[in-house]
């Protein structure tokens, strides 16, 4: 088994895709006006419109209602990324902070309120874990 994708449902796919393109530097690949993917080396962030929910099960997903998941991106320099995002991101949850498990992390909210963590391993153990 292999986890290949996380999908967000949004009432405004264009806005959310534009945000993720801006903060990640990864261009989206659009399937149609209701679905796009940002593909990275190890996983894909898919973004679908509310119109796609009924294809799975009507009412099974609600946009802008996530209170449990954090979308995480491994980056080379979280402090530099923070500086570059200060004029782009509306809500930072924290500034770059070194966590007890060895990652320096920046937590923010996307336009739909989803939590997004950008992190850089900084301790020898964390660096080894991510082969950096």
Protein backbone atom coordinates (compact mmCIF):
# COMPACT_ATOMS: atom_id res chain seq x y z
CA UNK A 1 0.00 0.00 0.00
CA UNK A 2 1.18 3.53 -0.75
CA UNK A 3 -0.35 6.85 0.28
CA UNK A 4 -0.36 8.91 -2.90
CA UNK A 5 -2.64 11.87 -2.30
CA UNK A 6 -4.50 14.06 0.13
CA UNK A 7 -7.58 15.80 -1.30
CA UNK A 8 -9.08 19.04 -0.06
CA UNK A 9 -12.63 20.03 -0.97
CA UNK A 10 -13.15 23.72 -1.58
CA UNK A 11 -15.96 26.07 -2.48
CA UNK A 12 -13.40 28.10 -4.45
CA UNK A 13 -10.96 25.75 -6.15
CA UNK A 14 -9.27 28.47 -8.19
CA UNK A 15 -8.47 30.54 -5.08
CA UNK A 16 -7.19 27.57 -3.09
CA UNK A 17 -5.10 26.19 -5.95
CA UNK A 18 -3.62 29.65 -6.52
CA UNK A 19 -2.69 29.88 -2.84
CA UNK A 20 -0.90 26.51 -2.84
CA UNK A 21 0.91 27.32 -6.10
CA UNK A 22 2.14 30.56 -4.53
CA UNK A 23 3.29 29.13 -1.18
CA UNK A 24 4.84 25.93 -2.57
CA UNK A 25 6.13 27.06 -5.95
CA UNK A 26 4.59 23.90 -7.42
CA UNK A 27 2.43 24.46 -10.51
CA UNK A 28 -0.97 22.82 -10.51
CA UNK A 29 -2.03 20.26 -13.07
CA UNK A 30 -5.71 20.83 -13.82
CA UNK A 31 -7.97 17.89 -14.70
CA UNK A 32 -10.92 20.21 -15.29
CA UNK A 33 -12.43 23.30 -13.63
CA UNK A 34 -13.39 21.22 -10.58
CA UNK A 35 -10.14 19.39 -9.92
CA UNK A 36 -6.41 20.15 -9.79
CA UNK A 37 -3.31 18.49 -8.35
CA UNK A 38 -0.02 19.81 -7.02
CA UNK A 39 2.39 16.94 -7.52
CA UNK A 40 5.59 16.69 -5.48
CA UNK A 41 8.28 14.03 -5.44
CA UNK A 42 6.58 12.03 -2.67
CA UNK A 43 2.90 12.89 -2.76
CA UNK A 44 0.13 14.90 -4.32
CA UNK A 45 -2.14 17.56 -2.90
CA UNK A 46 -5.41 17.28 -4.81
CA UNK A 47 -8.03 20.01 -4.64
CA UNK A 48 -11.59 19.34 -5.73
CA UNK A 49 -14.68 21.50 -5.82
CA UNK A 50 -17.76 20.91 -3.75
CA UNK A 51 -19.39 19.69 -6.98
CA UNK A 52 -17.16 16.59 -6.88
CA UNK A 53 -18.43 15.45 -3.48
CA UNK A 54 -21.68 14.06 -4.87
CA UNK A 55 -19.65 11.72 -7.11
CA UNK A 56 -18.45 9.92 -3.96
CA UNK A 57 -21.34 10.37 -1.54
CA UNK A 58 -23.46 13.52 -1.21
CA UNK A 59 -22.63 15.42 1.99
CA UNK A 60 -19.62 13.23 2.83
CA UNK A 61 -17.15 16.15 2.79
CA UNK A 62 -17.61 19.81 3.72
CA UNK A 63 -15.27 22.57 2.57
CA UNK A 64 -13.45 24.77 5.08
CA UNK A 65 -14.35 22.45 7.96
CA UNK A 66 -11.07 20.72 8.84
CA UNK A 67 -10.18 20.67 12.53
CA UNK A 68 -7.99 17.58 12.70
CA UNK A 69 -5.52 17.29 9.83
CA UNK A 70 -2.32 19.24 9.14
CA UNK A 71 -0.91 19.27 5.61
CA UNK A 72 2.88 19.10 5.82
CA UNK A 73 5.60 20.10 3.38
CA UNK A 74 9.32 19.42 3.83
CA UNK A 75 11.31 22.49 2.75
CA UNK A 76 15.00 23.38 2.54
CA UNK A 77 14.85 26.55 4.69
CA UNK A 78 11.70 27.24 6.67
CA UNK A 79 12.99 30.59 7.95
CA UNK A 80 13.59 31.89 4.42
CA UNK A 81 10.19 30.59 3.35
CA UNK A 82 8.55 32.43 6.25
CA UNK A 83 10.16 35.69 5.16
CA UNK A 84 8.95 35.19 1.58
CA UNK A 85 5.39 34.37 2.67
CA UNK A 86 4.86 37.29 5.06
CA UNK A 87 3.07 39.35 2.39
CA UNK A 88 1.18 36.37 0.97
CA UNK A 89 -0.28 34.48 3.94
CA UNK A 90 -3.17 36.03 5.87
CA UNK A 91 -2.91 33.86 9.00
CA UNK A 92 0.23 32.46 10.56
CA UNK A 93 -0.45 30.17 13.51
CA UNK A 94 3.19 30.34 14.59
CA UNK A 95 6.49 31.67 13.34
CA UNK A 96 9.33 29.22 12.67
CA UNK A 97 9.80 27.25 15.89
CA UNK A 98 12.10 24.33 16.68
CA UNK A 99 10.00 21.40 17.84
CA UNK A 100 11.10 18.79 20.41
CA UNK A 101 11.31 16.13 17.66
CA UNK A 102 13.95 18.12 15.75
CA UNK A 103 12.06 19.94 13.03
CA UNK A 104 11.89 23.71 12.66
CA UNK A 105 8.26 24.32 11.78
CA UNK A 106 6.07 27.10 10.42
CA UNK A 107 2.32 26.64 10.85
CA UNK A 108 -0.23 28.65 8.91
CA UNK A 109 -3.79 28.48 7.61
CA UNK A 110 -4.74 28.33 3.95
CA UNK A 111 -7.67 30.45 2.69
CA UNK A 112 -10.14 27.69 3.65
CA UNK A 113 -8.73 27.47 7.19
CA UNK A 114 -6.80 24.21 6.76
CA UNK A 115 -3.62 23.97 8.81
CA UNK A 116 -0.42 23.82 6.78
CA UNK A 117 3.00 23.04 8.26
CA UNK A 118 6.24 23.80 6.44
CA UNK A 119 9.23 22.26 8.18
CA UNK A 120 12.97 21.79 7.95
CA UNK A 121 14.77 19.07 9.94
CA UNK A 122 17.49 20.69 12.07
CA UNK A 123 18.76 18.10 14.56
CA UNK A 124 21.02 15.23 13.44
CA UNK A 125 18.25 12.70 14.15
CA UNK A 126 15.63 14.61 12.16
CA UNK A 127 18.04 15.24 9.30
CA UNK A 128 18.87 11.53 9.18
CA UNK A 129 15.18 10.61 9.20
CA UNK A 130 14.56 12.69 6.11
CA UNK A 131 17.92 11.88 4.44
CA UNK A 132 18.85 15.52 4.11
